[in-house]
């Protein structure tokens, strides 16, 4: 049987703690044994949308693989829709179909939370958000599970969306403020999360305080850019995958070289490289997103669903005995 895990089921089954644990383990194990990540992107004719396919998601120790197809339409709500297919690694059996909007938001946001917590100075209690969407919200959920935050500064091109995020997070006890520009966020915060669809730099070197950390989630396709090339050259840049950072991420879009990345996140989590080499250094984490992250979250959700026992299942084709009748 194939489990059908939509947004409601995934929201019930997944927790930040469970998801952070699965993603951390993936970052630690994936560089050693996983094949290079593969991503196919196709712009759609006559629309402002695109389709991205990630093939395949594999992780050592997980007896399954994923294939994800995402449709991206920035003007829609949600902006991402699609499906993650979870298959048995030995037989190819389709174990589950999962809502890719939820899986993508959780794996992107919580991977970002891992990196942000690791790269941000321990004493930092104020976080800035540029782009008040699902991915930034999930990053905040992960961050509040790993450190005590006190203050949130928010900017979005849609002021109503920024105020909605502020109201939500005020209910958790955070002091929240909405500001008019991205520069105001960077000026007032030692930790900044950018999660936008921007194709022009939102922050330049002069906007960012020494010793700050920036997690830039928007530069995940060719041409998308949130940070100025001069800022990236000056900063200690951490990526999730060097090749994808050049072909689809911030390094390639900014005209930088592979050597301009200081490390991949897995090496920092493994303790092979330091998060920063100087207290005044600006650090940047700019991921593209990796197929194994979809597998890590999908497998965790599937295992939780099997234990939960309250999820819809479906048979695409009858059993062999039924076929012969």
C-alpha atoms as a PDB file:
ATOM      1  CA  UNK A   1       0.000   0.000   0.000  1.00  0.00           C
ATOM      2  CA  UNK A   2       1.068   3.593  -0.690  1.00  0.00           C
ATOM      3  CA  UNK A   3       0.566   6.096   2.138  1.00  0.00           C
ATOM      4  CA  UNK A   4      -0.846   9.482   1.129  1.00  0.00           C
ATOM      5  CA  UNK A   5       0.687  12.178   3.330  1.00  0.00           C
ATOM      6  CA  UNK A   6      -0.774  15.594   2.668  1.00  0.00           C
ATOM      7  CA  UNK A   7      -0.217  18.862   4.483  1.00  0.00           C
ATOM      8  CA  UNK A   8      -2.489  17.968   7.415  1.00  0.00           C
ATOM      9  CA  UNK A   9      -0.866  14.564   7.948  1.00  0.00           C
ATOM     10  CA  UNK A  10       2.692  15.919   7.678  1.00  0.00           C
ATOM     11  CA  UNK A  11       1.956  18.763  10.075  1.00  0.00           C
ATOM     12  CA  UNK A  12       0.720  16.193  12.604  1.00  0.00           C
ATOM     13  CA  UNK A  13       3.532  13.683  12.122  1.00  0.00           C
ATOM     14  CA  UNK A  14       6.598  15.919  11.874  1.00  0.00           C
ATOM     15  CA  UNK A  15       8.146  17.895  14.714  1.00  0.00           C
ATOM     16  CA  UNK A  16      11.095  20.305  14.581  1.00  0.00           C
ATOM     17  CA  UNK A  17      13.058  18.047  16.944  1.00  0.00           C
ATOM     18  CA  UNK A  18      12.517  14.905  14.843  1.00  0.00           C
ATOM     19  CA  UNK A  19      13.260  16.757  11.608  1.00  0.00           C
ATOM     20  CA  UNK A  20      16.376  18.520  12.885  1.00  0.00           C
ATOM     21  CA  UNK A  21      17.726  15.187  14.100  1.00  0.00           C
ATOM     22  CA  UNK A  22      17.156  13.552  10.687  1.00  0.00           C
ATOM     23  CA  UNK A  23      18.701  16.460   8.781  1.00  0.00           C
ATOM     24  CA  UNK A  24      21.740  16.728  11.055  1.00  0.00           C
ATOM     25  CA  UNK A  25      22.424  13.018  10.570  1.00  0.00           C
ATOM     26  CA  UNK A  26      22.073  13.475   6.813  1.00  0.00           C
ATOM     27  CA  UNK A  27      24.594  16.312   6.670  1.00  0.00           C
ATOM     28  CA  UNK A  28      27.054  14.220   8.675  1.00  0.00           C
ATOM     29  CA  UNK A  29      26.742  11.058   6.563  1.00  0.00           C
ATOM     30  CA  UNK A  30      25.876  12.256   3.042  1.00  0.00           C
ATOM     31  CA  UNK A  31      29.235  13.721   1.886  1.00  0.00           C
ATOM     32  CA  UNK A  32      31.078  10.426   2.359  1.00  0.00           C
ATOM     33  CA  UNK A  33      28.889   8.027   0.447  1.00  0.00           C
ATOM     34  CA  UNK A  34      26.138   9.759  -1.525  1.00  0.00           C
ATOM     35  CA  UNK A  35      26.262  10.226  -5.307  1.00  0.00           C
ATOM     36  CA  UNK A  36      26.432  13.800  -6.621  1.00  0.00           C
ATOM     37  CA  UNK A  37      23.046  15.563  -6.342  1.00  0.00           C
ATOM     38  CA  UNK A  38      21.126  15.925  -9.582  1.00  0.00           C
ATOM     39  CA  UNK A  39      18.635  18.659 -10.397  1.00  0.00           C
ATOM     40  CA  UNK A  40      16.685  19.357 -13.584  1.00  0.00           C
ATOM     41  CA  UNK A  41      14.876  22.652 -14.112  1.00  0.00           C
ATOM     42  CA  UNK A  42      12.497  23.628 -16.907  1.00  0.00           C
ATOM     43  CA  UNK A  43      10.840  27.013 -17.401  1.00  0.00           C
ATOM     44  CA  UNK A  44       7.202  26.718 -18.441  1.00  0.00           C
ATOM     45  CA  UNK A  45       6.086  28.435 -21.661  1.00  0.00           C
ATOM     46  CA  UNK A  46       3.718  31.417 -21.427  1.00  0.00           C
ATOM     47  CA  UNK A  47       3.827  31.469 -17.599  1.00  0.00           C
ATOM     48  CA  UNK A  48       5.962  32.862 -14.806  1.00  0.00           C
ATOM     49  CA  UNK A  49       6.397  29.379 -13.413  1.00  0.00           C
ATOM     50  CA  UNK A  50       8.918  26.569 -13.603  1.00  0.00           C
ATOM     51  CA  UNK A  51       9.255  22.893 -12.806  1.00  0.00           C
ATOM     52  CA  UNK A  52      12.195  21.526 -10.845  1.00  0.00           C
ATOM     53  CA  UNK A  53      12.919  17.810 -10.587  1.00  0.00           C
ATOM     54  CA  UNK A  54      15.368  16.429  -8.012  1.00  0.00           C
ATOM     55  CA  UNK A  55      16.727  12.958  -8.797  1.00  0.00           C
ATOM     56  CA  UNK A  56      17.319  10.847  -6.717  1.00  0.00           C
ATOM     57  CA  UNK A  57      17.395  11.380  -2.960  1.00  0.00           C
ATOM     58  CA  UNK A  58      19.714   8.824  -1.352  1.00  0.00           C
ATOM     59  CA  UNK A  59      21.249   8.497   2.107  1.00  0.00           C
ATOM     60  CA  UNK A  60      23.474   5.823   3.669  1.00  0.00           C
ATOM     61  CA  UNK A  61      21.442   3.713   6.080  1.00  0.00           C
ATOM     62  CA  UNK A  62      18.019   4.661   4.661  1.00  0.00           C
ATOM     63  CA  UNK A  63      16.431   1.781   2.682  1.00  0.00           C
ATOM     64  CA  UNK A  64      14.480   4.088   0.394  1.00  0.00           C
ATOM     65  CA  UNK A  65      14.917   6.825  -2.185  1.00  0.00           C
ATOM     66  CA  UNK A  66      12.899   9.874  -3.209  1.00  0.00           C
ATOM     67  CA  UNK A  67      12.071  11.657  -6.446  1.00  0.00           C
ATOM     68  CA  UNK A  68      10.568  15.129  -6.169  1.00  0.00           C
ATOM     69  CA  UNK A  69       8.745  17.219  -8.762  1.00  0.00           C
ATOM     70  CA  UNK A  70       8.087  20.821  -7.733  1.00  0.00           C
ATOM     71  CA  UNK A  71       6.103  23.435  -9.609  1.00  0.00           C
ATOM     72  CA  UNK A  72       7.159  26.966  -8.675  1.00  0.00           C
ATOM     73  CA  UNK A  73       4.827  29.920  -9.260  1.00  0.00           C
ATOM     74  CA  UNK A  74       5.946  32.938  -7.192  1.00  0.00           C
ATOM     75  CA  UNK A  75       2.600  34.741  -7.608  1.00  0.00           C
ATOM     76  CA  UNK A  76       0.575  31.797  -6.282  1.00  0.00           C
ATOM     77  CA  UNK A  77      -0.188  30.823  -2.696  1.00  0.00           C
ATOM     78  CA  UNK A  78       1.439  28.481  -1.931  1.00  0.00           C
ATOM     79  CA  UNK A  79       4.216  29.350  -4.352  1.00  0.00           C
ATOM     80  CA  UNK A  80       5.437  25.743  -4.469  1.00  0.00           C
ATOM     81  CA  UNK A  81       3.282  22.717  -5.208  1.00  0.00           C
ATOM     82  CA  UNK A  82       4.088  19.187  -6.224  1.00  0.00           C
ATOM     83  CA  UNK A  83       4.802  15.708  -4.978  1.00  0.00           C
ATOM     84  CA  UNK A  84       7.582  13.716  -3.337  1.00  0.00           C
ATOM     85  CA  UNK A  85       7.595  10.018  -4.220  1.00  0.00           C
ATOM     86  CA  UNK A  86       9.162   7.737  -1.600  1.00  0.00           C
ATOM     87  CA  UNK A  87      10.240   4.336  -2.978  1.00  0.00           C
ATOM     88  CA  UNK A  88      11.654   1.169  -1.437  1.00  0.00           C
ATOM     89  CA  UNK A  89      15.346   1.036  -2.355  1.00  0.00           C
ATOM     90  CA  UNK A  90      15.397  -2.721  -3.081  1.00  0.00           C
ATOM     91  CA  UNK A  91      12.112  -3.223  -4.915  1.00  0.00           C
ATOM     92  CA  UNK A  92      11.101   0.213  -6.184  1.00  0.00           C
ATOM     93  CA  UNK A  93       7.732  -0.127  -4.433  1.00  0.00           C
ATOM     94  CA  UNK A  94       6.031   3.242  -3.976  1.00  0.00           C
ATOM     95  CA  UNK A  95       5.827   3.610  -0.199  1.00  0.00           C
ATOM     96  CA  UNK A  96       4.345   7.090   0.068  1.00  0.00           C
ATOM     97  CA  UNK A  97       3.299  10.214  -1.785  1.00  0.00           C
ATOM     98  CA  UNK A  98       4.001  13.401   0.168  1.00  0.00           C
ATOM     99  CA  UNK A  99       3.033  17.051  -0.303  1.00  0.00           C
ATOM    100  CA  UNK A 100       6.212  18.652  -1.652  1.00  0.00           C
ATOM    101  CA  UNK A 101       5.277  22.144  -0.436  1.00  0.00           C
ATOM    102  CA  UNK A 102       5.385  20.942   3.175  1.00  0.00           C
ATOM    103  CA  UNK A 103       8.444  18.732   2.710  1.00  0.00           C
ATOM    104  CA  UNK A 104      10.328  21.545   0.937  1.00  0.00           C
ATOM    105  CA  UNK A 105       9.455  24.171   3.540  1.00  0.00           C
ATOM    106  CA  UNK A 106      10.419  21.890   6.419  1.00  0.00           C
ATOM    107  CA  UNK A 107      13.666  20.530   4.987  1.00  0.00           C
ATOM    108  CA  UNK A 108      14.794  23.928   3.667  1.00  0.00           C
ATOM    109  CA  UNK A 109      13.825  25.872   6.767  1.00  0.00           C
ATOM    110  CA  UNK A 110      15.173  23.380   9.292  1.00  0.00           C
ATOM    111  CA  UNK A 111      18.415  22.769   7.366  1.00  0.00           C
ATOM    112  CA  UNK A 112      18.783  26.535   7.410  1.00  0.00           C
ATOM    113  CA  UNK A 113      18.112  26.579  11.151  1.00  0.00           C
ATOM    114  CA  UNK A 114      20.908  24.046  11.716  1.00  0.00           C
ATOM    115  CA  UNK A 115      23.356  26.177   9.742  1.00  0.00           C
ATOM    116  CA  UNK A 116      22.167  29.457  11.226  1.00  0.00           C
ATOM    117  CA  UNK A 117      22.543  28.227  14.793  1.00  0.00           C
ATOM    118  CA  UNK A 118      25.989  26.802  14.029  1.00  0.00           C
ATOM    119  CA  UNK A 119      27.330  29.922  12.297  1.00  0.00           C
ATOM    120  CA  UNK A 120      25.744  32.638  14.452  1.00  0.00           C
ATOM    121  CA  UNK A 121      27.641  33.778  17.578  1.00  0.00           C
ATOM    122  CA  UNK A 122      26.256  32.041  20.659  1.00  0.00           C
ATOM    123  CA  UNK A 123      25.326  35.293  22.408  1.00  0.00           C
ATOM    124  CA  UNK A 124      23.090  36.523  19.544  1.00  0.00           C
ATOM    125  CA  UNK A 125      19.428  36.742  20.580  1.00  0.00           C
ATOM    126  CA  UNK A 126      18.035  38.995  17.817  1.00  0.00           C
ATOM    127  CA  UNK A 127      17.179  37.605  14.378  1.00  0.00           C
ATOM    128  CA  UNK A 128      16.192  39.525  11.268  1.00  0.00           C
ATOM    129  CA  UNK A 129      13.965  38.126   8.520  1.00  0.00           C
ATOM    130  CA  UNK A 130      13.795  39.417   4.952  1.00  0.00           C
ATOM    131  CA  UNK A 131      10.923  37.644   3.224  1.00  0.00           C
ATOM    132  CA  UNK A 132       8.169  36.580   5.636  1.00  0.00           C
ATOM    133  CA  UNK A 133       7.119  33.333   3.951  1.00  0.00           C
ATOM    134  CA  UNK A 134       6.918  29.663   4.877  1.00  0.00           C
ATOM    135  CA  UNK A 135      10.636  28.952   4.659  1.00  0.00           C
ATOM    136  CA  UNK A 136      11.627  31.845   6.927  1.00  0.00           C
ATOM    137  CA  UNK A 137       8.915  30.849   9.392  1.00  0.00           C
ATOM    138  CA  UNK A 138      10.185  27.280   9.486  1.00  0.00           C
ATOM    139  CA  UNK A 139      13.762  28.492   9.978  1.00  0.00           C
ATOM    140  CA  UNK A 140      12.551  30.441  13.007  1.00  0.00           C
ATOM    141  CA  UNK A 141      10.769  27.355  14.350  1.00  0.00           C
ATOM    142  CA  UNK A 142      14.026  25.449  14.112  1.00  0.00           C
ATOM    143  CA  UNK A 143      16.070  28.252  15.654  1.00  0.00           C
ATOM    144  CA  UNK A 144      13.758  28.576  18.645  1.00  0.00           C
ATOM    145  CA  UNK A 145      14.263  24.851  19.217  1.00  0.00           C
ATOM    146  CA  UNK A 146      18.057  25.283  19.348  1.00  0.00           C
ATOM    147  CA  UNK A 147      18.591  28.636  21.085  1.00  0.00           C
ATOM    148  CA  UNK A 148      16.726  31.224  23.149  1.00  0.00           C
ATOM    149  CA  UNK A 149      15.654  34.179  20.980  1.00  0.00           C
ATOM    150  CA  UNK A 150      14.386  37.473  22.321  1.00  0.00           C
ATOM    151  CA  UNK A 151      13.737  39.776  19.368  1.00  0.00           C
ATOM    152  CA  UNK A 152      12.618  39.496  15.739  1.00  0.00           C
ATOM    153  CA  UNK A 153      12.948  42.210  13.069  1.00  0.00           C
ATOM    154  CA  UNK A 154      10.956  41.604   9.863  1.00  0.00           C
ATOM    155  CA  UNK A 155      10.808  43.085   6.366  1.00  0.00           C
ATOM    156  CA  UNK A 156       8.746  41.922   3.395  1.00  0.00           C
ATOM    157  CA  UNK A 157       7.727  43.597   0.138  1.00  0.00           C
ATOM    158  CA  UNK A 158       4.175  42.865   1.312  1.00  0.00           C
ATOM    159  CA  UNK A 159       3.807  44.754   4.636  1.00  0.00           C
ATOM    160  CA  UNK A 160       0.665  42.786   5.541  1.00  0.00           C
ATOM    161  CA  UNK A 161       2.572  39.518   5.347  1.00  0.00           C
ATOM    162  CA  UNK A 162       5.333  40.962   7.532  1.00  0.00           C
ATOM    163  CA  UNK A 163       2.799  42.080  10.129  1.00  0.00           C
ATOM    164  CA  UNK A 164       1.105  38.658  10.091  1.00  0.00           C
ATOM    165  CA  UNK A 165       4.435  37.001  10.845  1.00  0.00           C
ATOM    166  CA  UNK A 166       5.075  39.510  13.629  1.00  0.00           C
ATOM    167  CA  UNK A 167       1.683  38.820  15.218  1.00  0.00           C
ATOM    168  CA  UNK A 168       2.284  35.074  15.077  1.00  0.00           C
ATOM    169  CA  UNK A 169       5.676  35.270  16.751  1.00  0.00           C
ATOM    170  CA  UNK A 170       4.586  37.819  19.355  1.00  0.00           C
ATOM    171  CA  UNK A 171       2.287  35.108  20.697  1.00  0.00           C
ATOM    172  CA  UNK A 172       5.392  33.029  21.497  1.00  0.00           C
ATOM    173  CA  UNK A 173       6.819  35.837  23.644  1.00  0.00           C
ATOM    174  CA  UNK A 174       9.230  37.385  21.116  1.00  0.00           C
ATOM    175  CA  UNK A 175       9.556  41.139  20.796  1.00  0.00           C
ATOM    176  CA  UNK A 176       8.715  41.695  17.091  1.00  0.00           C
ATOM    177  CA  UNK A 177       9.181  44.770  14.914  1.00  0.00           C
ATOM    178  CA  UNK A 178       8.358  45.331  11.227  1.00  0.00           C
ATOM    179  CA  UNK A 179      10.681  47.653   9.278  1.00  0.00           C
ATOM    180  CA  UNK A 180      10.492  49.233   5.841  1.00  0.00           C
ATOM    181  CA  UNK A 181      13.728  48.032   4.209  1.00  0.00           C
ATOM    182  CA  UNK A 182      16.094  45.094   4.080  1.00  0.00           C
ATOM    183  CA  UNK A 183      18.908  47.427   5.098  1.00  0.00           C
ATOM    184  CA  UNK A 184      17.163  48.255   8.370  1.00  0.00           C
ATOM    185  CA  UNK A 185      17.014  44.546   9.172  1.00  0.00           C
ATOM    186  CA  UNK A 186      20.744  44.053   8.566  1.00  0.00           C
ATOM    187  CA  UNK A 187      21.702  47.220  10.477  1.00  0.00           C
ATOM    188  CA  UNK A 188      19.830  46.068  13.572  1.00  0.00           C
ATOM    189  CA  UNK A 189      20.562  42.343  13.637  1.00  0.00           C
ATOM    190  CA  UNK A 190      23.612  40.139  14.049  1.00  0.00           C
ATOM    191  CA  UNK A 191      21.756  37.250  12.407  1.00  0.00           C
ATOM    192  CA  UNK A 192      19.683  37.650   9.215  1.00  0.00           C
ATOM    193  CA  UNK A 193      17.616  35.120   7.248  1.00  0.00           C
ATOM    194  CA  UNK A 194      16.711  36.089   3.670  1.00  0.00           C
ATOM    195  CA  UNK A 195      14.057  33.972   1.948  1.00  0.00           C
ATOM    196  CA  UNK A 196      12.839  35.792  -1.162  1.00  0.00           C
ATOM    197  CA  UNK A 197      12.369  35.412  -4.929  1.00  0.00           C
ATOM    198  CA  UNK A 198      14.694  38.356  -5.617  1.00  0.00           C
ATOM    199  CA  UNK A 199      16.828  38.568  -8.759  1.00  0.00           C
ATOM    200  CA  UNK A 200      18.764  41.598  -7.574  1.00  0.00           C
ATOM    201  CA  UNK A 201      20.917  42.005  -4.463  1.00  0.00           C
ATOM    202  CA  UNK A 202      18.996  43.057  -1.373  1.00  0.00           C
ATOM    203  CA  UNK A 203      22.044  43.530   0.871  1.00  0.00           C
ATOM    204  CA  UNK A 204      25.494  44.954   0.173  1.00  0.00           C
ATOM    205  CA  UNK A 205      28.669  44.826   2.212  1.00  0.00           C
ATOM    206  CA  UNK A 206      28.072  48.214   3.814  1.00  0.00           C
ATOM    207  CA  UNK A 207      24.654  47.115   5.056  1.00  0.00           C
ATOM    208  CA  UNK A 208      25.955  44.269   7.219  1.00  0.00           C
ATOM    209  CA  UNK A 209      27.501  44.568  10.678  1.00  0.00           C
ATOM    210  CA  UNK A 210      30.943  42.991  11.305  1.00  0.00           C
ATOM    211  CA  UNK A 211      30.616  39.592  12.972  1.00  0.00           C
ATOM    212  CA  UNK A 212      27.131  39.031  11.555  1.00  0.00           C
ATOM    213  CA  UNK A 213      25.756  35.879  10.005  1.00  0.00           C
ATOM    214  CA  UNK A 214      23.411  35.745   6.974  1.00  0.00           C
ATOM    215  CA  UNK A 215      21.486  32.701   5.796  1.00  0.00           C
ATOM    216  CA  UNK A 216      20.418  33.325   2.200  1.00  0.00           C
ATOM    217  CA  UNK A 217      17.746  30.860   1.074  1.00  0.00           C
ATOM    218  CA  UNK A 218      16.576  32.588  -2.101  1.00  0.00           C
ATOM    219  CA  UNK A 219      19.581  31.985  -4.378  1.00  0.00           C
ATOM    220  CA  UNK A 220      18.549  28.446  -5.300  1.00  0.00           C
ATOM    221  CA  UNK A 221      18.150  28.864  -9.077  1.00  0.00           C
ATOM    222  CA  UNK A 222      20.287  30.507 -11.790  1.00  0.00           C
ATOM    223  CA  UNK A 223      19.740  34.266 -11.763  1.00  0.00           C
ATOM    224  CA  UNK A 224      18.253  34.541  -8.275  1.00  0.00           C
ATOM    225  CA  UNK A 225      20.363  36.806  -6.061  1.00  0.00           C
ATOM    226  CA  UNK A 226      19.887  38.222  -2.564  1.00  0.00           C
ATOM    227  CA  UNK A 227      23.456  39.275  -1.701  1.00  0.00           C
ATOM    228  CA  UNK A 228      25.826  41.544  -3.609  1.00  0.00           C
ATOM    229  CA  UNK A 229      28.915  39.816  -5.121  1.00  0.00           C
ATOM    230  CA  UNK A 230      31.250  42.092  -3.130  1.00  0.00           C
ATOM    231  CA  UNK A 231      29.570  40.999   0.111  1.00  0.00           C
ATOM    232  CA  UNK A 232      29.960  37.343  -0.878  1.00  0.00           C
ATOM    233  CA  UNK A 233      33.651  37.816  -1.741  1.00  0.00           C
ATOM    234  CA  UNK A 234      34.282  39.494   1.610  1.00  0.00           C
ATOM    235  CA  UNK A 235      32.366  36.933   3.710  1.00  0.00           C
ATOM    236  CA  UNK A 236      33.189  33.397   4.822  1.00  0.00           C
ATOM    237  CA  UNK A 237      30.732  31.539   2.562  1.00  0.00           C
ATOM    238  CA  UNK A 238      29.385  28.104   3.483  1.00  0.00           C
ATOM    239  CA  UNK A 239      27.349  26.117   0.917  1.00  0.00           C
ATOM    240  CA  UNK A 240      25.480  22.806   0.950  1.00  0.00           C
ATOM    241  CA  UNK A 241      27.096  21.536  -2.281  1.00  0.00           C
ATOM    242  CA  UNK A 242      29.955  23.120  -4.246  1.00  0.00           C
ATOM    243  CA  UNK A 243      28.871  21.973  -7.688  1.00  0.00           C
ATOM    244  CA  UNK A 244      25.274  23.149  -7.275  1.00  0.00           C
ATOM    245  CA  UNK A 245      26.478  26.435  -5.771  1.00  0.00           C
ATOM    246  CA  UNK A 246      28.289  27.065  -9.057  1.00  0.00           C
ATOM    247  CA  UNK A 247      25.660  25.826 -11.511  1.00  0.00           C
ATOM    248  CA  UNK A 248      22.446  26.890  -9.792  1.00  0.00           C
ATOM    249  CA  UNK A 249      23.319  28.865  -6.662  1.00  0.00           C
ATOM    250  CA  UNK A 250      24.745  32.114  -5.384  1.00  0.00           C
ATOM    251  CA  UNK A 251      28.390  31.552  -6.366  1.00  0.00           C
ATOM    252  CA  UNK A 252      27.689  31.023 -10.057  1.00  0.00           C
ATOM    253  CA  UNK A 253      25.126  33.824 -10.269  1.00  0.00           C
ATOM    254  CA  UNK A 254      27.573  36.276  -8.646  1.00  0.00           C
ATOM    255  CA  UNK A 255      30.430  35.234 -10.946  1.00  0.00           C
ATOM    256  CA  UNK A 256      32.473  33.746  -8.101  1.00  0.00           C
ATOM    257  CA  UNK A 257      34.693  30.651  -8.198  1.00  0.00           C
ATOM    258  CA  UNK A 258      34.495  27.376  -6.309  1.00  0.00           C
ATOM    259  CA  UNK A 259      37.462  28.593  -4.245  1.00  0.00           C
ATOM    260  CA  UNK A 260      35.338  31.473  -2.942  1.00  0.00           C
ATOM    261  CA  UNK A 261      33.380  29.001  -0.798  1.00  0.00           C
ATOM    262  CA  UNK A 262      35.133  28.353   2.503  1.00  0.00           C
ATOM    263  CA  UNK A 263      33.375  25.054   3.260  1.00  0.00           C
ATOM    264  CA  UNK A 264      30.358  22.830   2.784  1.00  0.00           C
ATOM    265  CA  UNK A 265      28.045  22.625   5.778  1.00  0.00           C
ATOM    266  CA  UNK A 266      28.676  18.925   6.365  1.00  0.00           C
ATOM    267  CA  UNK A 267      32.366  19.597   7.007  1.00  0.00           C
ATOM    268  CA  UNK A 268      31.513  22.264   9.581  1.00  0.00           C
ATOM    269  CA  UNK A 269      28.977  20.020  11.327  1.00  0.00           C
ATOM    270  CA  UNK A 270      31.584  17.229  11.368  1.00  0.00           C
ATOM    271  CA  UNK A 271      34.119  19.561  12.981  1.00  0.00           C
ATOM    272  CA  UNK A 272      36.517  19.340  10.026  1.00  0.00           C
ATOM    273  CA  UNK A 273      36.392  23.122   9.453  1.00  0.00           C
ATOM    274  CA  UNK A 274      35.542  25.960  11.869  1.00  0.00           C
ATOM    275  CA  UNK A 275      32.347  28.027  11.548  1.00  0.00           C
ATOM    276  CA  UNK A 276      34.436  31.202  11.509  1.00  0.00           C
ATOM    277  CA  UNK A 277      38.103  32.112  11.830  1.00  0.00           C
ATOM    278  CA  UNK A 278      37.697  35.608  13.309  1.00  0.00           C
ATOM    279  CA  UNK A 279      35.039  37.141  15.617  1.00  0.00           C
ATOM    280  CA  UNK A 280      34.581  40.105  13.253  1.00  0.00           C
ATOM    281  CA  UNK A 281      34.098  37.907  10.212  1.00  0.00           C
ATOM    282  CA  UNK A 282      30.807  37.972   8.288  1.00  0.00           C
ATOM    283  CA  UNK A 283      29.547  34.467   7.583  1.00  0.00           C
ATOM    284  CA  UNK A 284      27.053  33.491   4.877  1.00  0.00           C
ATOM    285  CA  UNK A 285      25.220  30.200   4.403  1.00  0.00           C
ATOM    286  CA  UNK A 286      23.718  30.007   0.926  1.00  0.00           C
ATOM    287  CA  UNK A 287      22.236  26.596   0.087  1.00  0.00           C
ATOM    288  CA  UNK A 288      20.594  25.358  -3.103  1.00  0.00           C
ATOM    289  CA  UNK A 289      18.802  22.393  -1.530  1.00  0.00           C
ATOM    290  CA  UNK A 290      19.766  18.735  -1.890  1.00  0.00           C
ATOM    291  CA  UNK A 291      17.709  15.666  -2.862  1.00  0.00           C
ATOM    292  CA  UNK A 292      18.777  13.685   0.215  1.00  0.00           C
ATOM    293  CA  UNK A 293      17.105  16.317   2.411  1.00  0.00           C
ATOM    294  CA  UNK A 294      13.740  15.384   0.885  1.00  0.00           C
ATOM    295  CA  UNK A 295      14.515  11.738   1.687  1.00  0.00           C
ATOM    296  CA  UNK A 296      15.527  12.499   5.276  1.00  0.00           C
ATOM    297  CA  UNK A 297      12.235  14.285   5.969  1.00  0.00           C
ATOM    298  CA  UNK A 298      10.084  11.899   3.934  1.00  0.00           C
ATOM    299  CA  UNK A 299      11.543   8.824   5.619  1.00  0.00           C
ATOM    300  CA  UNK A 300      11.048  10.362   9.069  1.00  0.00           C
ATOM    301  CA  UNK A 301       7.432  11.204   8.194  1.00  0.00           C
ATOM    302  CA  UNK A 302       6.819   7.724   6.737  1.00  0.00           C
ATOM    303  CA  UNK A 303       8.162   5.985   9.848  1.00  0.00           C
ATOM    304  CA  UNK A 304       6.044   8.249  12.043  1.00  0.00           C
ATOM    305  CA  UNK A 305       2.983   7.471   9.887  1.00  0.00           C
ATOM    306  CA  UNK A 306       3.511   3.728  10.248  1.00  0.00           C
ATOM    307  CA  UNK A 307       3.608   4.155  14.030  1.00  0.00           C
ATOM    308  CA  UNK A 308       0.660   6.545  14.010  1.00  0.00           C
ATOM    309  CA  UNK A 309      -1.565   4.213  11.975  1.00  0.00           C
ATOM    310  CA  UNK A 310      -4.035   6.990  11.144  1.00  0.00           C
ATOM    311  CA  UNK A 311      -3.083   7.868   7.565  1.00  0.00           C
ATOM    312  CA  UNK A 312      -4.844   7.205   4.282  1.00  0.00           C
ATOM    313  CA  UNK A 313      -3.374   4.466   2.117  1.00  0.00           C
ATOM    314  CA  UNK A 314      -4.063   3.604  -1.495  1.00  0.00           C
ATOM    315  CA  UNK A 315      -3.336   0.746  -3.869  1.00  0.00           C
ATOM    316  CA  UNK A 316      -2.475   1.829  -7.418  1.00  0.00           C
ATOM    317  CA  UNK A 317      -2.841  -1.676  -8.760  1.00  0.00           C
ATOM    318  CA  UNK A 318      -4.372  -4.886  -7.376  1.00  0.00           C
ATOM    319  CA  UNK A 319      -2.381  -7.663  -5.774  1.00  0.00           C
ATOM    320  CA  UNK A 320      -1.022 -10.296  -8.182  1.00  0.00           C
ATOM    321  CA  UNK A 321      -3.664 -12.816  -6.992  1.00  0.00           C
ATOM    322  CA  UNK A 322      -6.417 -10.323  -7.712  1.00  0.00           C
ATOM    323  CA  UNK A 323      -4.980  -9.664 -11.178  1.00  0.00           C
ATOM    324  CA  UNK A 324      -5.266 -13.356 -12.070  1.00  0.00           C
ATOM    325  CA  UNK A 325      -8.920 -13.695 -11.113  1.00  0.00           C
END
